[in-house]
Structure formats: C-alpha cells, structure tokens
C-alpha atoms as a PDB file:
ATOM      1  CA  UNK A   1       0.000   0.000   0.000  1.00  0.00           C
ATOM      2  CA  UNK A   2       1.306   3.419  -0.942  1.00  0.00           C
ATOM      3  CA  UNK A   3       0.154   6.628   0.724  1.00  0.00           C
ATOM      4  CA  UNK A   4       0.444   9.980  -1.025  1.00  0.00           C
ATOM      5  CA  UNK A   5       1.293  12.056   2.043  1.00  0.00           C
ATOM      6  CA  UNK A   6      -0.493  15.431   1.959  1.00  0.00           C
ATOM      7  CA  UNK A   7       0.310  16.444   5.537  1.00  0.00           C
ATOM      8  CA  UNK A   8       2.593  15.225   8.252  1.00  0.00           C
ATOM      9  CA  UNK A   9       3.403  16.276  11.773  1.00  0.00           C
ATOM     10  CA  UNK A  10       6.118  15.438  14.235  1.00  0.00           C
ATOM     11  CA  UNK A  11       5.892  14.960  17.979  1.00  0.00           C
ATOM     12  CA  UNK A  12       8.425  14.061  20.620  1.00  0.00           C
ATOM     13  CA  UNK A  13       7.822  12.227  23.894  1.00  0.00           C
ATOM     14  CA  UNK A  14      10.220  12.035  26.818  1.00  0.00           C
ATOM     15  CA  UNK A  15       9.896  10.055  30.031  1.00  0.00           C
ATOM     16  CA  UNK A  16       7.391   7.516  28.696  1.00  0.00           C
ATOM     17  CA  UNK A  17       4.005   7.307  30.389  1.00  0.00           C
ATOM     18  CA  UNK A  18       5.159   9.651  33.170  1.00  0.00           C
ATOM     19  CA  UNK A  19       6.819  12.244  30.983  1.00  0.00           C
ATOM     20  CA  UNK A  20       5.892  14.885  28.472  1.00  0.00           C
ATOM     21  CA  UNK A  21       4.892  14.984  24.829  1.00  0.00           C
ATOM     22  CA  UNK A  22       4.755  17.865  22.394  1.00  0.00           C
ATOM     23  CA  UNK A  23       4.590  18.607  18.721  1.00  0.00           C
ATOM     24  CA  UNK A  24       7.787  19.960  17.260  1.00  0.00           C
ATOM     25  CA  UNK A  25       5.791  22.928  15.955  1.00  0.00           C
ATOM     26  CA  UNK A  26       5.062  23.836  19.588  1.00  0.00           C
ATOM     27  CA  UNK A  27       1.294  23.952  19.033  1.00  0.00           C
ATOM     28  CA  UNK A  28       0.553  21.088  21.456  1.00  0.00           C
ATOM     29  CA  UNK A  29       2.141  20.122  24.773  1.00  0.00           C
ATOM     30  CA  UNK A  30       0.932  17.617  27.329  1.00  0.00           C
ATOM     31  CA  UNK A  31       2.116  16.197  30.636  1.00  0.00           C
ATOM     32  CA  UNK A  32       1.766  12.419  30.779  1.00  0.00           C
ATOM     33  CA  UNK A  33       0.691  10.381  33.800  1.00  0.00           C
ATOM     34  CA  UNK A  34       0.221   6.635  34.144  1.00  0.00           C
ATOM     35  CA  UNK A  35      -3.273   5.758  35.449  1.00  0.00           C
ATOM     36  CA  UNK A  36      -3.518   4.047  38.834  1.00  0.00           C
ATOM     37  CA  UNK A  37      -5.162   1.069  37.106  1.00  0.00           C
ATOM     38  CA  UNK A  38      -1.882   0.486  35.260  1.00  0.00           C
ATOM     39  CA  UNK A  39       0.274   0.857  38.362  1.00  0.00           C
ATOM     40  CA  UNK A  40       0.932   4.578  38.111  1.00  0.00           C
ATOM     41  CA  UNK A  41       0.307   7.469  40.428  1.00  0.00           C
ATOM     42  CA  UNK A  42      -2.568   8.868  38.360  1.00  0.00           C
ATOM     43  CA  UNK A  43      -2.888  12.593  38.706  1.00  0.00           C
ATOM     44  CA  UNK A  44      -3.278  15.650  36.556  1.00  0.00           C
ATOM     45  CA  UNK A  45      -1.598  14.443  33.355  1.00  0.00           C
ATOM     46  CA  UNK A  46      -3.016  12.613  30.384  1.00  0.00           C
ATOM     47  CA  UNK A  47      -2.100   9.206  28.998  1.00  0.00           C
ATOM     48  CA  UNK A  48      -1.646   7.825  25.483  1.00  0.00           C
ATOM     49  CA  UNK A  49      -5.053   6.126  25.541  1.00  0.00           C
ATOM     50  CA  UNK A  50      -6.798   9.446  26.207  1.00  0.00           C
ATOM     51  CA  UNK A  51      -4.918  11.055  23.340  1.00  0.00           C
ATOM     52  CA  UNK A  52      -5.781   8.142  21.043  1.00  0.00           C
ATOM     53  CA  UNK A  53      -9.459   8.323  22.071  1.00  0.00           C
ATOM     54  CA  UNK A  54      -9.652  12.048  21.307  1.00  0.00           C
ATOM     55  CA  UNK A  55      -7.812  11.673  18.005  1.00  0.00           C
ATOM     56  CA  UNK A  56      -9.924   8.749  16.814  1.00  0.00           C
ATOM     57  CA  UNK A  57     -13.192  10.536  17.673  1.00  0.00           C
ATOM     58  CA  UNK A  58     -12.168  13.718  15.845  1.00  0.00           C
ATOM     59  CA  UNK A  59     -10.832  11.815  12.845  1.00  0.00           C
ATOM     60  CA  UNK A  60     -13.994   9.710  12.541  1.00  0.00           C
ATOM     61  CA  UNK A  61     -16.137  12.859  12.458  1.00  0.00           C
ATOM     62  CA  UNK A  62     -13.886  14.089   9.647  1.00  0.00           C
ATOM     63  CA  UNK A  63     -14.511  10.810   7.810  1.00  0.00           C
ATOM     64  CA  UNK A  64     -18.273  11.219   8.309  1.00  0.00           C
ATOM     65  CA  UNK A  65     -18.084  14.712   6.815  1.00  0.00           C
ATOM     66  CA  UNK A  66     -16.056  13.405   3.862  1.00  0.00           C
ATOM     67  CA  UNK A  67     -18.537  10.603   3.178  1.00  0.00           C
ATOM     68  CA  UNK A  68     -21.489  12.932   3.742  1.00  0.00           C
ATOM     69  CA  UNK A  69     -20.070  15.278   1.122  1.00  0.00           C
ATOM     70  CA  UNK A  70     -19.738  12.430  -1.370  1.00  0.00           C
ATOM     71  CA  UNK A  71     -23.275  11.198  -0.617  1.00  0.00           C
ATOM     72  CA  UNK A  72     -24.897  14.641  -0.545  1.00  0.00           C
ATOM     73  CA  UNK A  73     -25.860  14.270   3.131  1.00  0.00           C
ATOM     74  CA  UNK A  74     -25.210  17.181   5.488  1.00  0.00           C
ATOM     75  CA  UNK A  75     -23.635  15.990   8.724  1.00  0.00           C
ATOM     76  CA  UNK A  76     -25.543  17.664  11.588  1.00  0.00           C
ATOM     77  CA  UNK A  77     -23.708  20.353  13.553  1.00  0.00           C
ATOM     78  CA  UNK A  78     -24.500  18.466  16.764  1.00  0.00           C
ATOM     79  CA  UNK A  79     -22.692  15.320  15.613  1.00  0.00           C
ATOM     80  CA  UNK A  80     -20.509  13.874  18.353  1.00  0.00           C
ATOM     81  CA  UNK A  81     -18.471  10.775  19.008  1.00  0.00           C
ATOM     82  CA  UNK A  82     -17.604   9.440  22.420  1.00  0.00           C
ATOM     83  CA  UNK A  83     -14.582   7.207  22.051  1.00  0.00           C
ATOM     84  CA  UNK A  84     -13.748   4.656  24.732  1.00  0.00           C
ATOM     85  CA  UNK A  85     -10.250   3.173  24.593  1.00  0.00           C
ATOM     86  CA  UNK A  86      -9.347   0.326  26.905  1.00  0.00           C
ATOM     87  CA  UNK A  87      -5.908  -1.174  27.488  1.00  0.00           C
ATOM     88  CA  UNK A  88      -4.935  -4.470  29.059  1.00  0.00           C
ATOM     89  CA  UNK A  89      -2.984  -7.680  28.691  1.00  0.00           C
ATOM     90  CA  UNK A  90      -3.541  -9.763  25.546  1.00  0.00           C
ATOM     91  CA  UNK A  91      -4.030 -13.528  25.669  1.00  0.00           C
ATOM     92  CA  UNK A  92      -1.146 -13.771  23.156  1.00  0.00           C
ATOM     93  CA  UNK A  93       1.142 -11.766  25.442  1.00  0.00           C
ATOM     94  CA  UNK A  94       1.932  -8.087  25.670  1.00  0.00           C
ATOM     95  CA  UNK A  95      -0.767  -5.443  25.822  1.00  0.00           C
ATOM     96  CA  UNK A  96      -3.593  -4.528  23.503  1.00  0.00           C
ATOM     97  CA  UNK A  97      -6.299  -1.960  22.983  1.00  0.00           C
ATOM     98  CA  UNK A  98     -10.074  -2.199  22.694  1.00  0.00           C
ATOM     99  CA  UNK A  99     -12.118   0.645  21.179  1.00  0.00           C
ATOM    100  CA  UNK A 100     -15.791   1.606  21.157  1.00  0.00           C
ATOM    101  CA  UNK A 101     -17.103   4.612  19.219  1.00  0.00           C
ATOM    102  CA  UNK A 102     -20.521   5.913  20.315  1.00  0.00           C
ATOM    103  CA  UNK A 103     -21.675   7.905  17.302  1.00  0.00           C
ATOM    104  CA  UNK A 104     -24.454  10.484  17.567  1.00  0.00           C
ATOM    105  CA  UNK A 105     -25.858  11.902  14.326  1.00  0.00           C
ATOM    106  CA  UNK A 106     -28.942  13.774  15.561  1.00  0.00           C
ATOM    107  CA  UNK A 107     -31.781  14.290  13.141  1.00  0.00           C
ATOM    108  CA  UNK A 108     -30.728  11.694  10.557  1.00  0.00           C
ATOM    109  CA  UNK A 109     -32.732   8.592   9.641  1.00  0.00           C
ATOM    110  CA  UNK A 110     -31.519   5.272  11.098  1.00  0.00           C
ATOM    111  CA  UNK A 111     -30.565   3.688   7.752  1.00  0.00           C
ATOM    112  CA  UNK A 112     -28.811   6.884   6.623  1.00  0.00           C
ATOM    113  CA  UNK A 113     -26.808   6.848   9.867  1.00  0.00           C
ATOM    114  CA  UNK A 114     -25.845   3.200   9.412  1.00  0.00           C
ATOM    115  CA  UNK A 115     -24.738   3.740   5.812  1.00  0.00           C
ATOM    116  CA  UNK A 116     -22.686   6.839   6.667  1.00  0.00           C
ATOM    117  CA  UNK A 117     -20.987   5.150   9.621  1.00  0.00           C
ATOM    118  CA  UNK A 118     -20.148   2.012   7.621  1.00  0.00           C
ATOM    119  CA  UNK A 119     -18.633   4.079   4.799  1.00  0.00           C
ATOM    120  CA  UNK A 120     -16.782   6.390   7.203  1.00  0.00           C
ATOM    121  CA  UNK A 121     -15.276   3.324   8.899  1.00  0.00           C
ATOM    122  CA  UNK A 122     -13.804   2.334   5.516  1.00  0.00           C
ATOM    123  CA  UNK A 123     -12.164   5.722   4.828  1.00  0.00           C
ATOM    124  CA  UNK A 124     -11.151   6.914   8.316  1.00  0.00           C
ATOM    125  CA  UNK A 125      -7.342   6.714   8.668  1.00  0.00           C
ATOM    126  CA  UNK A 126      -7.625   5.563  12.293  1.00  0.00           C
ATOM    127  CA  UNK A 127     -10.065   2.815  11.291  1.00  0.00           C
ATOM    128  CA  UNK A 128      -7.750   1.729   8.493  1.00  0.00           C
ATOM    129  CA  UNK A 129      -4.763   1.711  10.856  1.00  0.00           C
ATOM    130  CA  UNK A 130      -6.570  -0.380  13.472  1.00  0.00           C
ATOM    131  CA  UNK A 131      -8.467  -2.759  11.170  1.00  0.00           C
ATOM    132  CA  UNK A 132      -7.691  -6.409  11.981  1.00  0.00           C
ATOM    133  CA  UNK A 133      -5.455  -5.262  14.858  1.00  0.00           C
ATOM    134  CA  UNK A 134      -7.861  -3.775  17.398  1.00  0.00           C
ATOM    135  CA  UNK A 135     -11.464  -4.656  18.170  1.00  0.00           C
ATOM    136  CA  UNK A 136     -13.472  -1.529  17.237  1.00  0.00           C
ATOM    137  CA  UNK A 137     -17.174  -1.444  18.129  1.00  0.00           C
ATOM    138  CA  UNK A 138     -19.362   1.092  16.315  1.00  0.00           C
ATOM    139  CA  UNK A 139     -22.395   2.056  18.388  1.00  0.00           C
ATOM    140  CA  UNK A 140     -24.854   4.393  16.685  1.00  0.00           C
ATOM    141  CA  UNK A 141     -26.986   6.334  19.165  1.00  0.00           C
END
C-alpha cells in the first residue's frame, strides 16, 4: 500500500508514560501520567489512551463529513463521538487496545446513519490503521 502524504506532523515524547509529549511545531504540549489502574500514580496528566481516544473521535467525524459530502448528506452540527479506549494484557502476550465509538448523528434517519458510519469506517485513517489489529465497536446512538 502506498500513501500519497499530503500532511505530516512530528511529535516528541520524553519520560514515557510519566513524561511529556509535544509537537515539534510547539502547538501542542501535554504532561503524561500513568493511570492508577496500570500501576501509576494517576494525577493531573493525560495518557496515550486518552490522546488516542480524542484523536480517533475527531478523525472519525472528519470521515463522516467526507462521506457525507460524497453522498450529498449534510452531517448535523451536533454530531458527536464518544470514544472509549481500553488497554490491558492480551491472551497472546503483551498489551492490547479495545475501542468503542458511540456515534451520535442527531436528526438523521436510522438507515442513513448506518450507511454513513459504515462508509466512514472504511475511509477513516484511524479505522484503516486499526483494522484487523484492534477490536473496534461502532455504536450508533
């Protein structure tokens, strides 16, 4: 598979799950903290799963807008996605992720919603990156 790169960004992390991360452009900086559930102190920082959840939700809305444009369907302004990302040990060893996307497209017909979500799942870069690697549940509300 070849990708014609139209945009790229660079970020640097230091200190792992209890460190810092920032884009090299300086537009984004975050303190990282390991959750208590994973043996960390918890606290005021964020963790990679939170960042992944936010990124996937935003990207999937972008995919919905792309598909909506192709299909001639306006994506409602109140569209939202709540992304749940879980982490834990895999039966095969190591750690893995589990994702659920709760997709709200207020005011659209049920079948229209289902069609848009299915097509968005095929074009979303996060969905393509995770396909056959991470269990992703699509829940249309």
